[in-house]
Amino acid sequence: MKKLLASTCMMFGLLGVASYANAADCGSLTIASMNWQSAEVLSNLDKIILNEGYGCQAEITVGDTVPTITSMAEKGEPDIAPEAWVDLLPDVVKKGTDEGRIIKVGSPLPDGGIQGWWIPKYLADAHQDLKTIPDMLKHPELFPDPEDSSKGAIYNGPQGWGGTIVTSQLYKAFDAEKAGFKLVDTGSAAGLDGSIAKAYERKEGWVGYYWAPTALLGKYEMVKLEAGVPADAAEWKRCNTVADCADPKPNAWPTDTIVTLVAKPFAEKAGPDVMAYLGKRAWSNETVNKLMAWMTDNQASGEDGAKHFLKENKDVWTKWVSEDAAKKIEASL
C-alpha cells in the first residue's frame, strides 16, 4: 500500500512538473493585434487559449501590418502575428524567413483575403458599365469629392496599412489624378468605415480601398472592381507594394495569402503543443463574417468576440487544441 501511495504521489508529482515545464517553456509573449476587426478578435482568441489552455502569459500589443511584420523580420518582436497579410510585404517576409527570424505557421483564413477597390452595389446596379477601374475613372462625377465636387474621390486606408501603400501606388499607376480624382486619406479604420456608411445612408457614390472578410461588407453590400489588366506578380512585388517606387504600373490585386507568423526565438521555446495549436487554428471567412457582425451589432470588443466564439463554437475550436487544454479553456469561460 505504501508503495502504491508512493508511486501515485510520484506520478502526480511528475505530471505537475510536466505541466509547470510546459507553462515555463511558453512563458511571457506578445501577440500583435492589427487595427481591424478580424485580426483584433483573433489576437484575443489566441491570448485566451494560450493563457488558459497552455499556461502562457500572453499580452496583446497593438500594431499595423507594415511596422509589425518589419519588426518581427528584423528584431524578432512581437512573438506572434496571428493574421499576417504577407503578400503586402513579400520582400520583408522572404528576408525574415530566409534569415530564420520568422516562421510561417498555418493559415488562420484559408479562404484568403480579398482586397481591392469597391463601389456600392446600388451604384453598380444603376451603372452596369462600371466593371473595372478604368471604367470607374471615366466617371469622376459619380464619385464626388466632399470638399470639391468638381473632382472625384478615391478613399484610402490609414497610414501603416499595406493596402494603403498599394492603393497609393495604383492611384499613380492608373493616372487617377489626370482622370479628375483626388486620393482621400481617411486617417483611421473608423474613418474609412464611416465614409462607406455615410455614402450608403445617403445612396451616394463611393469608391475606395477595402477588403474581405469584414463585418462591414456583410452589412453594406459592395462590388469589387476588376483591375481591367492581367495580374503581374513580378510587377506587384517590384513596385505596387513598395511605397517609394516611382514608376508603378496598372495591376490586379491578388487573392492574399494570410498566415500566422511566429518569431523564431518564441517558436523554439514554446513547445510542440503551442505550435501545433497555432498550426491548426483556422476558420472560414463565413464564420468570421458572422462573428464580426455579432461584434458590430453588440459593440463588442475583440475580447468579447473571442469569448462569444468560444462559448458558441465548441465544435470548432476544440479540434485545434489538446483535450487537456480544451477542459481548462472551457472551465475559464
C-alpha atoms as a PDB file:
ATOM      1  CA  MET A   1       0.000   0.000   0.000  1.00  0.00           C
ATOM      2  CA  LYS A   2       2.856   2.358   0.880  1.00  0.00           C
ATOM      3  CA  LYS A   3       4.492   1.540  -2.450  1.00  0.00           C
ATOM      4  CA  LEU A   4       1.206   2.277  -4.234  1.00  0.00           C
ATOM      5  CA  LEU A   5       0.827   5.625  -2.438  1.00  0.00           C
ATOM      6  CA  ALA A   6       4.430   6.482  -3.161  1.00  0.00           C
ATOM      7  CA  SER A   7       4.105   5.662  -6.844  1.00  0.00           C
ATOM      8  CA  THR A   8       0.820   7.594  -7.058  1.00  0.00           C
ATOM      9  CA  CYS A   9       2.395  10.642  -5.422  1.00  0.00           C
ATOM     10  CA  MET A  10       5.361  10.355  -7.780  1.00  0.00           C
ATOM     11  CA  MET A  11       3.049  10.151 -10.782  1.00  0.00           C
ATOM     12  CA  PHE A  12       1.131  13.302  -9.809  1.00  0.00           C
ATOM     13  CA  GLY A  13       4.414  14.976  -8.979  1.00  0.00           C
ATOM     14  CA  LEU A  14       5.757  14.220 -12.443  1.00  0.00           C
ATOM     15  CA  LEU A  15       2.542  15.433 -14.051  1.00  0.00           C
ATOM     16  CA  GLY A  16       2.812  18.636 -12.062  1.00  0.00           C
ATOM     17  CA  VAL A  17       6.421  19.092 -13.107  1.00  0.00           C
ATOM     18  CA  ALA A  18       5.489  18.440 -16.746  1.00  0.00           C
ATOM     19  CA  SER A  19       2.625  20.942 -16.557  1.00  0.00           C
ATOM     20  CA  TYR A  20       4.883  23.522 -14.931  1.00  0.00           C
ATOM     21  CA  ALA A  21       7.567  22.856 -17.539  1.00  0.00           C
ATOM     22  CA  ASN A  22       5.103  23.410 -20.394  1.00  0.00           C
ATOM     23  CA  ALA A  23       3.968  26.708 -18.839  1.00  0.00           C
ATOM     24  CA  ALA A  24       7.547  27.750 -18.222  1.00  0.00           C
ATOM     25  CA  ASP A  25       8.502  26.854 -21.799  1.00  0.00           C
ATOM     26  CA  CYS A  26       5.723  29.052 -23.172  1.00  0.00           C
ATOM     27  CA  GLY A  27       6.408  31.862 -20.701  1.00  0.00           C
ATOM     28  CA  SER A  28       5.712  35.514 -21.450  1.00  0.00           C
ATOM     29  CA  LEU A  29       4.924  36.521 -25.005  1.00  0.00           C
ATOM     30  CA  THR A  30       3.451  39.333 -27.063  1.00  0.00           C
ATOM     31  CA  ILE A  31       0.694  38.891 -29.633  1.00  0.00           C
ATOM     32  CA  ALA A  32       0.213  41.543 -32.319  1.00  0.00           C
ATOM     33  CA  SER A  33      -3.321  42.849 -32.760  1.00  0.00           C
ATOM     34  CA  MET A  34      -3.739  44.719 -36.027  1.00  0.00           C
ATOM     35  CA  ASN A  35      -6.274  47.533 -36.120  1.00  0.00           C
ATOM     36  CA  TRP A  36      -9.033  45.730 -37.984  1.00  0.00           C
ATOM     37  CA  GLN A  37     -11.782  43.593 -36.535  1.00  0.00           C
ATOM     38  CA  SER A  38     -10.879  40.070 -37.673  1.00  0.00           C
ATOM     39  CA  ALA A  39      -7.276  40.495 -36.505  1.00  0.00           C
ATOM     40  CA  GLU A  40      -8.406  42.019 -33.204  1.00  0.00           C
ATOM     41  CA  VAL A  41     -10.708  39.127 -32.330  1.00  0.00           C
ATOM     42  CA  LEU A  42      -8.159  36.519 -33.460  1.00  0.00           C
ATOM     43  CA  SER A  43      -5.390  38.001 -31.301  1.00  0.00           C
ATOM     44  CA  ASN A  44      -7.713  37.933 -28.297  1.00  0.00           C
ATOM     45  CA  LEU A  45      -8.724  34.365 -29.098  1.00  0.00           C
ATOM     46  CA  ASP A  46      -5.080  33.328 -29.165  1.00  0.00           C
ATOM     47  CA  LYS A  47      -4.435  35.136 -25.883  1.00  0.00           C
ATOM     48  CA  ILE A  48      -7.272  33.319 -24.094  1.00  0.00           C
ATOM     49  CA  ILE A  49      -6.416  29.891 -25.499  1.00  0.00           C
ATOM     50  CA  LEU A  50      -2.674  30.193 -24.849  1.00  0.00           C
ATOM     51  CA  ASN A  51      -3.091  31.604 -21.344  1.00  0.00           C
ATOM     52  CA  GLU A  52      -5.934  29.396 -20.143  1.00  0.00           C
ATOM     53  CA  GLY A  53      -5.140  26.243 -22.084  1.00  0.00           C
ATOM     54  CA  TYR A  54      -1.350  26.205 -22.136  1.00  0.00           C
ATOM     55  CA  GLY A  55      -0.245  28.279 -19.145  1.00  0.00           C
ATOM     56  CA  CYS A  56       1.327  31.107 -21.143  1.00  0.00           C
ATOM     57  CA  GLN A  57       1.486  34.718 -20.021  1.00  0.00           C
ATOM     58  CA  ALA A  58       0.434  36.358 -23.271  1.00  0.00           C
ATOM     59  CA  GLU A  59      -0.159  40.069 -23.676  1.00  0.00           C
ATOM     60  CA  ILE A  60      -1.506  41.921 -26.695  1.00  0.00           C
ATOM     61  CA  THR A  61       0.384  44.717 -28.406  1.00  0.00           C
ATOM     62  CA  VAL A  62      -1.380  46.892 -30.975  1.00  0.00           C
ATOM     63  CA  GLY A  63       0.285  47.270 -34.354  1.00  0.00           C
ATOM     64  CA  ASP A  64      -0.220  47.588 -38.108  1.00  0.00           C
ATOM     65  CA  THR A  65       0.819  45.335 -40.977  1.00  0.00           C
ATOM     66  CA  VAL A  66       3.942  47.135 -42.149  1.00  0.00           C
ATOM     67  CA  PRO A  67       5.624  48.025 -38.823  1.00  0.00           C
ATOM     68  CA  THR A  68       4.673  44.737 -37.131  1.00  0.00           C
ATOM     69  CA  ILE A  69       5.929  42.381 -39.832  1.00  0.00           C
ATOM     70  CA  THR A  70       9.033  44.520 -40.367  1.00  0.00           C
ATOM     71  CA  SER A  71       9.799  44.440 -36.630  1.00  0.00           C
ATOM     72  CA  MET A  72       9.336  40.659 -36.483  1.00  0.00           C
ATOM     73  CA  ALA A  73      11.595  40.139 -39.504  1.00  0.00           C
ATOM     74  CA  GLU A  74      14.329  42.427 -38.160  1.00  0.00           C
ATOM     75  CA  LYS A  75      14.090  42.135 -34.352  1.00  0.00           C
ATOM     76  CA  GLY A  76      12.002  39.036 -33.611  1.00  0.00           C
ATOM     77  CA  GLU A  77       9.341  41.152 -31.878  1.00  0.00           C
ATOM     78  CA  PRO A  78       6.432  40.726 -31.247  1.00  0.00           C
ATOM     79  CA  ASP A  79       6.312  36.952 -30.805  1.00  0.00           C
ATOM     80  CA  ILE A  80       3.155  36.176 -32.814  1.00  0.00           C
ATOM     81  CA  ALA A  81       1.281  37.951 -35.608  1.00  0.00           C
ATOM     82  CA  PRO A  82      -1.910  35.848 -35.811  1.00  0.00           C
ATOM     83  CA  GLU A  83      -3.283  37.385 -39.013  1.00  0.00           C
ATOM     84  CA  ALA A  84      -0.425  38.477 -41.250  1.00  0.00           C
ATOM     85  CA  TRP A  85      -1.299  39.524 -44.806  1.00  0.00           C
ATOM     86  CA  VAL A  86       2.134  38.587 -46.088  1.00  0.00           C
ATOM     87  CA  ASP A  87       1.598  39.348 -49.783  1.00  0.00           C
ATOM     88  CA  LEU A  88       1.636  43.043 -48.913  1.00  0.00           C
ATOM     89  CA  LEU A  89       5.286  42.806 -47.838  1.00  0.00           C
ATOM     90  CA  PRO A  90       6.748  39.929 -49.873  1.00  0.00           C
ATOM     91  CA  ASP A  91      10.387  41.045 -49.706  1.00  0.00           C
ATOM     92  CA  VAL A  92      10.320  41.681 -45.956  1.00  0.00           C
ATOM     93  CA  VAL A  93       8.684  38.320 -45.222  1.00  0.00           C
ATOM     94  CA  LYS A  94      11.048  36.413 -47.538  1.00  0.00           C
ATOM     95  CA  LYS A  95      14.100  38.047 -45.967  1.00  0.00           C
ATOM     96  CA  GLY A  96      12.814  37.291 -42.454  1.00  0.00           C
ATOM     97  CA  THR A  97      12.087  33.637 -43.235  1.00  0.00           C
ATOM     98  CA  ASP A  98      15.317  33.134 -45.208  1.00  0.00           C
ATOM     99  CA  GLU A  99      17.340  34.528 -42.308  1.00  0.00           C
ATOM    100  CA  GLY A 100      15.443  32.346 -39.828  1.00  0.00           C
ATOM    101  CA  ARG A 101      13.921  35.212 -37.833  1.00  0.00           C
ATOM    102  CA  ILE A 102      10.282  34.350 -38.512  1.00  0.00           C
ATOM    103  CA  ILE A 103       8.339  31.174 -39.291  1.00  0.00           C
ATOM    104  CA  LYS A 104       5.053  30.793 -41.168  1.00  0.00           C
ATOM    105  CA  VAL A 105       2.709  28.584 -39.143  1.00  0.00           C
ATOM    106  CA  GLY A 106      -0.503  27.649 -40.915  1.00  0.00           C
ATOM    107  CA  SER A 107      -3.239  29.984 -42.165  1.00  0.00           C
ATOM    108  CA  PRO A 108      -5.976  31.394 -39.919  1.00  0.00           C
ATOM    109  CA  LEU A 109      -8.063  32.271 -43.011  1.00  0.00           C
ATOM    110  CA  PRO A 110      -7.530  29.564 -45.644  1.00  0.00           C
ATOM    111  CA  ASP A 111     -10.171  31.182 -47.900  1.00  0.00           C
ATOM    112  CA  GLY A 112      -7.703  34.013 -48.372  1.00  0.00           C
ATOM    113  CA  GLY A 113      -8.106  37.747 -48.159  1.00  0.00           C
ATOM    114  CA  ILE A 114      -9.836  39.714 -50.903  1.00  0.00           C
ATOM    115  CA  GLN A 115      -8.563  43.274 -51.299  1.00  0.00           C
ATOM    116  CA  GLY A 116      -9.230  45.924 -53.884  1.00  0.00           C
ATOM    117  CA  TRP A 117     -11.276  48.965 -54.846  1.00  0.00           C
ATOM    118  CA  TRP A 118     -15.003  48.607 -54.230  1.00  0.00           C
ATOM    119  CA  ILE A 119     -18.190  50.505 -55.104  1.00  0.00           C
ATOM    120  CA  PRO A 120     -21.675  50.205 -53.543  1.00  0.00           C
ATOM    121  CA  LYS A 121     -23.893  47.578 -55.168  1.00  0.00           C
ATOM    122  CA  TYR A 122     -26.674  50.122 -55.733  1.00  0.00           C
ATOM    123  CA  LEU A 123     -24.257  52.144 -57.860  1.00  0.00           C
ATOM    124  CA  ALA A 124     -23.064  49.073 -59.750  1.00  0.00           C
ATOM    125  CA  ASP A 125     -26.699  48.121 -60.449  1.00  0.00           C
ATOM    126  CA  ALA A 126     -27.544  51.624 -61.687  1.00  0.00           C
ATOM    127  CA  HIS A 127     -24.418  51.907 -63.827  1.00  0.00           C
ATOM    128  CA  GLN A 128     -23.720  48.465 -65.212  1.00  0.00           C
ATOM    129  CA  ASP A 129     -20.872  49.759 -67.349  1.00  0.00           C
ATOM    130  CA  LEU A 130     -18.777  50.178 -64.171  1.00  0.00           C
ATOM    131  CA  LYS A 131     -16.950  46.854 -64.173  1.00  0.00           C
ATOM    132  CA  THR A 132     -13.290  47.838 -63.977  1.00  0.00           C
ATOM    133  CA  ILE A 133     -11.040  50.535 -62.535  1.00  0.00           C
ATOM    134  CA  PRO A 134     -10.613  52.161 -65.986  1.00  0.00           C
ATOM    135  CA  ASP A 135     -14.436  52.182 -66.331  1.00  0.00           C
ATOM    136  CA  MET A 136     -14.752  53.952 -62.997  1.00  0.00           C
ATOM    137  CA  LEU A 137     -12.086  56.519 -63.838  1.00  0.00           C
ATOM    138  CA  LYS A 138     -14.182  57.714 -66.785  1.00  0.00           C
ATOM    139  CA  HIS A 139     -16.849  58.944 -64.348  1.00  0.00           C
ATOM    140  CA  PRO A 140     -15.475  61.208 -61.582  1.00  0.00           C
ATOM    141  CA  GLU A 141     -18.915  62.840 -61.439  1.00  0.00           C
ATOM    142  CA  LEU A 142     -20.341  59.645 -59.910  1.00  0.00           C
ATOM    143  CA  PHE A 143     -17.864  59.779 -57.002  1.00  0.00           C
ATOM    144  CA  PRO A 144     -17.749  63.474 -55.991  1.00  0.00           C
ATOM    145  CA  ASP A 145     -15.113  64.600 -53.517  1.00  0.00           C
ATOM    146  CA  PRO A 146     -16.910  66.039 -50.446  1.00  0.00           C
ATOM    147  CA  GLU A 147     -14.642  69.108 -50.439  1.00  0.00           C
ATOM    148  CA  ASP A 148     -14.549  69.714 -54.194  1.00  0.00           C
ATOM    149  CA  SER A 149     -17.471  68.313 -56.181  1.00  0.00           C
ATOM    150  CA  SER A 150     -15.655  69.060 -59.451  1.00  0.00           C
ATOM    151  CA  LYS A 151     -13.298  66.216 -58.572  1.00  0.00           C
ATOM    152  CA  GLY A 152     -13.869  62.537 -57.931  1.00  0.00           C
ATOM    153  CA  ALA A 153     -12.651  60.925 -54.692  1.00  0.00           C
ATOM    154  CA  ILE A 154     -10.914  57.608 -54.105  1.00  0.00           C
ATOM    155  CA  TYR A 155     -10.885  56.719 -50.410  1.00  0.00           C
ATOM    156  CA  ASN A 156      -7.715  55.222 -48.986  1.00  0.00           C
ATOM    157  CA  GLY A 157      -6.972  53.450 -45.702  1.00  0.00           C
ATOM    158  CA  PRO A 158      -4.898  54.855 -42.830  1.00  0.00           C
ATOM    159  CA  GLN A 159      -1.123  55.106 -42.818  1.00  0.00           C
ATOM    160  CA  GLY A 160       0.582  51.891 -41.736  1.00  0.00           C
ATOM    161  CA  TRP A 161      -1.622  49.550 -43.757  1.00  0.00           C
ATOM    162  CA  GLY A 162      -0.045  47.638 -46.623  1.00  0.00           C
ATOM    163  CA  GLY A 163      -3.262  48.173 -48.593  1.00  0.00           C
ATOM    164  CA  THR A 164      -2.831  51.920 -48.211  1.00  0.00           C
ATOM    165  CA  ILE A 165       0.571  51.730 -49.914  1.00  0.00           C
ATOM    166  CA  VAL A 166      -0.839  49.658 -52.777  1.00  0.00           C
ATOM    167  CA  THR A 167      -3.806  51.993 -53.263  1.00  0.00           C
ATOM    168  CA  SER A 168      -1.477  54.997 -53.393  1.00  0.00           C
ATOM    169  CA  GLN A 169       0.665  53.234 -55.996  1.00  0.00           C
ATOM    170  CA  LEU A 170      -2.333  52.163 -58.100  1.00  0.00           C
ATOM    171  CA  TYR A 171      -3.696  55.723 -57.922  1.00  0.00           C
ATOM    172  CA  LYS A 172      -0.470  56.810 -59.657  1.00  0.00           C
ATOM    173  CA  ALA A 173      -0.338  53.790 -61.978  1.00  0.00           C
ATOM    174  CA  PHE A 174      -3.850  54.321 -63.364  1.00  0.00           C
ATOM    175  CA  ASP A 175      -3.314  58.123 -63.723  1.00  0.00           C
ATOM    176  CA  ALA A 176      -6.292  58.756 -61.455  1.00  0.00           C
ATOM    177  CA  GLU A 177      -5.283  62.366 -60.802  1.00  0.00           C
ATOM    178  CA  LYS A 178      -5.225  63.067 -64.541  1.00  0.00           C
ATOM    179  CA  ALA A 179      -8.691  61.452 -64.748  1.00  0.00           C
ATOM    180  CA  GLY A 180     -10.000  64.024 -62.259  1.00  0.00           C
ATOM    181  CA  PHE A 181      -9.760  62.124 -58.965  1.00  0.00           C
ATOM    182  CA  LYS A 182      -8.265  63.007 -55.602  1.00  0.00           C
ATOM    183  CA  LEU A 183      -6.886  60.408 -53.180  1.00  0.00           C
ATOM    184  CA  VAL A 184      -8.555  60.864 -49.785  1.00  0.00           C
ATOM    185  CA  ASP A 185      -6.702  59.910 -46.598  1.00  0.00           C
ATOM    186  CA  THR A 186      -9.417  58.681 -44.224  1.00  0.00           C
ATOM    187  CA  GLY A 187      -6.986  58.792 -41.287  1.00  0.00           C
ATOM    188  CA  SER A 188      -8.141  55.652 -39.473  1.00  0.00           C
ATOM    189  CA  ALA A 189     -10.042  52.402 -39.843  1.00  0.00           C
ATOM    190  CA  ALA A 190     -13.063  54.142 -38.283  1.00  0.00           C
ATOM    191  CA  GLY A 191     -12.752  56.985 -40.775  1.00  0.00           C
ATOM    192  CA  LEU A 192     -12.707  54.568 -43.700  1.00  0.00           C
ATOM    193  CA  ASP A 193     -15.710  52.633 -42.357  1.00  0.00           C
ATOM    194  CA  GLY A 194     -17.552  55.871 -41.665  1.00  0.00           C
ATOM    195  CA  SER A 195     -17.097  57.090 -45.223  1.00  0.00           C
ATOM    196  CA  ILE A 196     -18.736  53.913 -46.558  1.00  0.00           C
ATOM    197  CA  ALA A 197     -21.588  54.057 -44.031  1.00  0.00           C
ATOM    198  CA  LYS A 198     -22.253  57.724 -44.817  1.00  0.00           C
ATOM    199  CA  ALA A 199     -22.329  57.107 -48.566  1.00  0.00           C
ATOM    200  CA  TYR A 200     -24.664  54.140 -48.129  1.00  0.00           C
ATOM    201  CA  GLU A 201     -27.089  56.032 -45.900  1.00  0.00           C
ATOM    202  CA  ARG A 202     -27.287  58.823 -48.479  1.00  0.00           C
ATOM    203  CA  LYS A 203     -27.108  56.490 -51.502  1.00  0.00           C
ATOM    204  CA  GLU A 204     -24.150  58.496 -52.792  1.00  0.00           C
ATOM    205  CA  GLY A 205     -21.216  57.441 -54.923  1.00  0.00           C
ATOM    206  CA  TRP A 206     -18.189  55.941 -53.185  1.00  0.00           C
ATOM    207  CA  VAL A 207     -15.076  54.176 -54.399  1.00  0.00           C
ATOM    208  CA  GLY A 208     -12.057  53.137 -52.404  1.00  0.00           C
ATOM    209  CA  TYR A 209      -9.970  50.522 -50.717  1.00  0.00           C
ATOM    210  CA  TYR A 210     -11.499  47.749 -48.635  1.00  0.00           C
ATOM    211  CA  TRP A 211     -11.114  44.035 -48.029  1.00  0.00           C
ATOM    212  CA  ALA A 212     -12.908  40.844 -47.066  1.00  0.00           C
ATOM    213  CA  PRO A 213     -13.705  39.151 -44.770  1.00  0.00           C
ATOM    214  CA  THR A 214     -15.240  42.016 -42.832  1.00  0.00           C
ATOM    215  CA  ALA A 215     -18.454  42.701 -40.958  1.00  0.00           C
ATOM    216  CA  LEU A 216     -18.853  45.974 -42.847  1.00  0.00           C
ATOM    217  CA  LEU A 217     -19.110  44.294 -46.251  1.00  0.00           C
ATOM    218  CA  GLY A 218     -21.649  41.957 -44.708  1.00  0.00           C
ATOM    219  CA  LYS A 219     -23.740  44.960 -43.668  1.00  0.00           C
ATOM    220  CA  TYR A 220     -23.160  47.132 -46.733  1.00  0.00           C
ATOM    221  CA  GLU A 221     -23.212  45.204 -49.987  1.00  0.00           C
ATOM    222  CA  MET A 222     -20.289  46.249 -52.156  1.00  0.00           C
ATOM    223  CA  VAL A 223     -18.930  45.175 -55.555  1.00  0.00           C
ATOM    224  CA  LYS A 224     -15.217  44.832 -56.186  1.00  0.00           C
ATOM    225  CA  LEU A 225     -13.965  46.496 -59.356  1.00  0.00           C
ATOM    226  CA  GLU A 226     -11.808  44.364 -61.612  1.00  0.00           C
ATOM    227  CA  ALA A 227      -8.436  45.835 -62.480  1.00  0.00           C
ATOM    228  CA  GLY A 228      -9.010  45.629 -66.228  1.00  0.00           C
ATOM    229  CA  VAL A 229      -5.444  44.393 -66.677  1.00  0.00           C
ATOM    230  CA  PRO A 230      -3.821  40.986 -66.128  1.00  0.00           C
ATOM    231  CA  ALA A 231      -2.166  40.254 -62.784  1.00  0.00           C
ATOM    232  CA  ASP A 232       1.607  40.623 -62.910  1.00  0.00           C
ATOM    233  CA  ALA A 233       3.179  39.060 -59.819  1.00  0.00           C
ATOM    234  CA  ALA A 234       6.678  40.304 -60.602  1.00  0.00           C
ATOM    235  CA  GLU A 235       5.494  43.882 -61.079  1.00  0.00           C
ATOM    236  CA  TRP A 236       3.382  43.659 -57.940  1.00  0.00           C
ATOM    237  CA  LYS A 237       6.447  42.686 -55.967  1.00  0.00           C
ATOM    238  CA  ARG A 238       8.762  45.162 -57.683  1.00  0.00           C
ATOM    239  CA  CYS A 239       6.692  48.312 -57.363  1.00  0.00           C
ATOM    240  CA  ASN A 240       2.987  48.085 -56.455  1.00  0.00           C
ATOM    241  CA  THR A 241       3.800  47.142 -52.861  1.00  0.00           C
ATOM    242  CA  VAL A 242       6.792  49.484 -52.479  1.00  0.00           C
ATOM    243  CA  ALA A 243       5.949  52.955 -51.165  1.00  0.00           C
ATOM    244  CA  ASP A 244       8.872  54.804 -52.736  1.00  0.00           C
ATOM    245  CA  CYS A 245       8.798  53.071 -56.137  1.00  0.00           C
ATOM    246  CA  ALA A 246       8.499  55.874 -58.681  1.00  0.00           C
ATOM    247  CA  ASP A 247       7.043  54.054 -61.699  1.00  0.00           C
ATOM    248  CA  PRO A 248       4.160  51.747 -60.693  1.00  0.00           C
ATOM    249  CA  LYS A 249       2.206  50.027 -63.476  1.00  0.00           C
ATOM    250  CA  PRO A 250      -1.523  49.185 -63.506  1.00  0.00           C
ATOM    251  CA  ASN A 251      -2.002  45.795 -61.895  1.00  0.00           C
ATOM    252  CA  ALA A 252      -4.603  43.448 -60.417  1.00  0.00           C
ATOM    253  CA  TRP A 253      -4.883  42.700 -56.717  1.00  0.00           C
ATOM    254  CA  PRO A 254      -4.053  39.053 -55.983  1.00  0.00           C
ATOM    255  CA  THR A 255      -6.066  36.998 -53.524  1.00  0.00           C
ATOM    256  CA  ASP A 256      -3.971  37.415 -50.415  1.00  0.00           C
ATOM    257  CA  THR A 257      -2.319  34.607 -48.547  1.00  0.00           C
ATOM    258  CA  ILE A 258      -2.921  35.085 -44.837  1.00  0.00           C
ATOM    259  CA  VAL A 259      -0.659  33.251 -42.404  1.00  0.00           C
ATOM    260  CA  THR A 260       0.299  33.241 -38.757  1.00  0.00           C
ATOM    261  CA  LEU A 261       3.860  34.484 -38.284  1.00  0.00           C
ATOM    262  CA  VAL A 262       5.874  33.372 -35.271  1.00  0.00           C
ATOM    263  CA  ALA A 263       9.218  34.826 -34.213  1.00  0.00           C
ATOM    264  CA  LYS A 264      11.908  32.121 -34.241  1.00  0.00           C
ATOM    265  CA  PRO A 265      13.020  32.604 -30.587  1.00  0.00           C
ATOM    266  CA  PHE A 266       9.460  32.052 -29.351  1.00  0.00           C
ATOM    267  CA  ALA A 267       8.906  29.087 -31.684  1.00  0.00           C
ATOM    268  CA  GLU A 268      11.971  27.398 -30.191  1.00  0.00           C
ATOM    269  CA  LYS A 269      10.814  27.779 -26.578  1.00  0.00           C
ATOM    270  CA  ALA A 270       7.030  27.479 -26.984  1.00  0.00           C
ATOM    271  CA  GLY A 271       6.878  23.711 -27.150  1.00  0.00           C
ATOM    272  CA  PRO A 272       5.138  21.380 -29.629  1.00  0.00           C
ATOM    273  CA  ASP A 273       1.623  21.741 -28.151  1.00  0.00           C
ATOM    274  CA  VAL A 274       1.542  25.516 -28.581  1.00  0.00           C
ATOM    275  CA  MET A 275       2.981  25.347 -32.085  1.00  0.00           C
ATOM    276  CA  ALA A 276       0.500  22.596 -33.006  1.00  0.00           C
ATOM    277  CA  TYR A 277      -2.378  24.818 -31.889  1.00  0.00           C
ATOM    278  CA  LEU A 278      -1.127  27.763 -33.964  1.00  0.00           C
ATOM    279  CA  GLY A 279      -0.805  25.481 -36.976  1.00  0.00           C
ATOM    280  CA  LYS A 280      -4.319  24.027 -36.657  1.00  0.00           C
ATOM    281  CA  ARG A 281      -6.208  27.193 -35.699  1.00  0.00           C
ATOM    282  CA  ALA A 282      -8.203  28.253 -38.776  1.00  0.00           C
ATOM    283  CA  TRP A 283     -11.714  29.493 -39.540  1.00  0.00           C
ATOM    284  CA  SER A 284     -13.670  30.223 -42.696  1.00  0.00           C
ATOM    285  CA  ASN A 285     -14.480  33.706 -43.985  1.00  0.00           C
ATOM    286  CA  GLU A 286     -18.163  32.912 -43.374  1.00  0.00           C
ATOM    287  CA  THR A 287     -17.503  32.077 -39.705  1.00  0.00           C
ATOM    288  CA  VAL A 288     -15.521  35.274 -39.218  1.00  0.00           C
ATOM    289  CA  ASN A 289     -18.116  37.417 -41.010  1.00  0.00           C
ATOM    290  CA  LYS A 290     -20.850  36.137 -38.683  1.00  0.00           C
ATOM    291  CA  LEU A 291     -18.694  36.711 -35.609  1.00  0.00           C
ATOM    292  CA  MET A 292     -17.748  40.224 -36.682  1.00  0.00           C
ATOM    293  CA  ALA A 293     -21.382  41.045 -37.457  1.00  0.00           C
ATOM    294  CA  TRP A 294     -22.272  39.973 -33.899  1.00  0.00           C
ATOM    295  CA  MET A 295     -19.459  42.132 -32.536  1.00  0.00           C
ATOM    296  CA  THR A 296     -20.617  45.149 -34.536  1.00  0.00           C
ATOM    297  CA  ASP A 297     -24.276  44.747 -33.535  1.00  0.00           C
ATOM    298  CA  ASN A 298     -23.312  44.381 -29.866  1.00  0.00           C
ATOM    299  CA  GLN A 299     -20.489  46.965 -29.852  1.00  0.00           C
ATOM    300  CA  ALA A 300     -18.278  44.166 -28.600  1.00  0.00           C
ATOM    301  CA  SER A 301     -14.521  44.330 -28.122  1.00  0.00           C
ATOM    302  CA  GLY A 302     -12.073  41.790 -29.502  1.00  0.00           C
ATOM    303  CA  GLU A 303     -12.022  40.055 -26.125  1.00  0.00           C
ATOM    304  CA  ASP A 304     -15.850  39.964 -26.024  1.00  0.00           C
ATOM    305  CA  GLY A 305     -15.910  38.496 -29.531  1.00  0.00           C
ATOM    306  CA  ALA A 306     -13.332  35.846 -28.653  1.00  0.00           C
ATOM    307  CA  LYS A 307     -15.270  34.729 -25.576  1.00  0.00           C
ATOM    308  CA  HIS A 308     -18.529  34.668 -27.551  1.00  0.00           C
ATOM    309  CA  PHE A 309     -16.898  32.479 -30.188  1.00  0.00           C
ATOM    310  CA  LEU A 310     -15.507  30.074 -27.596  1.00  0.00           C
ATOM    311  CA  LYS A 311     -18.902  29.734 -25.904  1.00  0.00           C
ATOM    312  CA  GLU A 312     -20.875  29.271 -29.118  1.00  0.00           C
ATOM    313  CA  ASN A 313     -18.477  27.245 -31.278  1.00  0.00           C
ATOM    314  CA  LYS A 314     -17.054  24.478 -29.120  1.00  0.00           C
ATOM    315  CA  ASP A 315     -17.293  22.063 -32.041  1.00  0.00           C
ATOM    316  CA  VAL A 316     -14.845  24.248 -33.992  1.00  0.00           C
ATOM    317  CA  TRP A 317     -12.143  25.292 -31.540  1.00  0.00           C
ATOM    318  CA  THR A 318     -11.821  22.021 -29.613  1.00  0.00           C
ATOM    319  CA  LYS A 319     -10.349  20.493 -32.798  1.00  0.00           C
ATOM    320  CA  TRP A 320      -7.460  22.963 -32.547  1.00  0.00           C
ATOM    321  CA  VAL A 321      -6.314  22.154 -29.012  1.00  0.00           C
ATOM    322  CA  SER A 322      -5.405  19.182 -26.851  1.00  0.00           C
ATOM    323  CA  GLU A 323      -8.094  17.525 -24.728  1.00  0.00           C
ATOM    324  CA  ASP A 324      -6.479  18.813 -21.543  1.00  0.00           C
ATOM    325  CA  ALA A 325      -6.286  22.379 -22.888  1.00  0.00           C
ATOM    326  CA  ALA A 326      -9.922  22.226 -24.011  1.00  0.00           C
ATOM    327  CA  LYS A 327     -11.067  21.371 -20.475  1.00  0.00           C
ATOM    328  CA  LYS A 328      -9.083  24.249 -18.996  1.00  0.00           C
ATOM    329  CA  ILE A 329     -10.344  26.745 -21.563  1.00  0.00           C
ATOM    330  CA  GLU A 330     -13.968  25.669 -21.129  1.00  0.00           C
ATOM    331  CA  ALA A 331     -13.662  25.949 -17.333  1.00  0.00           C
ATOM    332  CA  SER A 332     -12.372  29.520 -17.663  1.00  0.00           C
ATOM    333  CA  LEU A 333     -15.377  30.775 -19.649  1.00  0.00           C
END
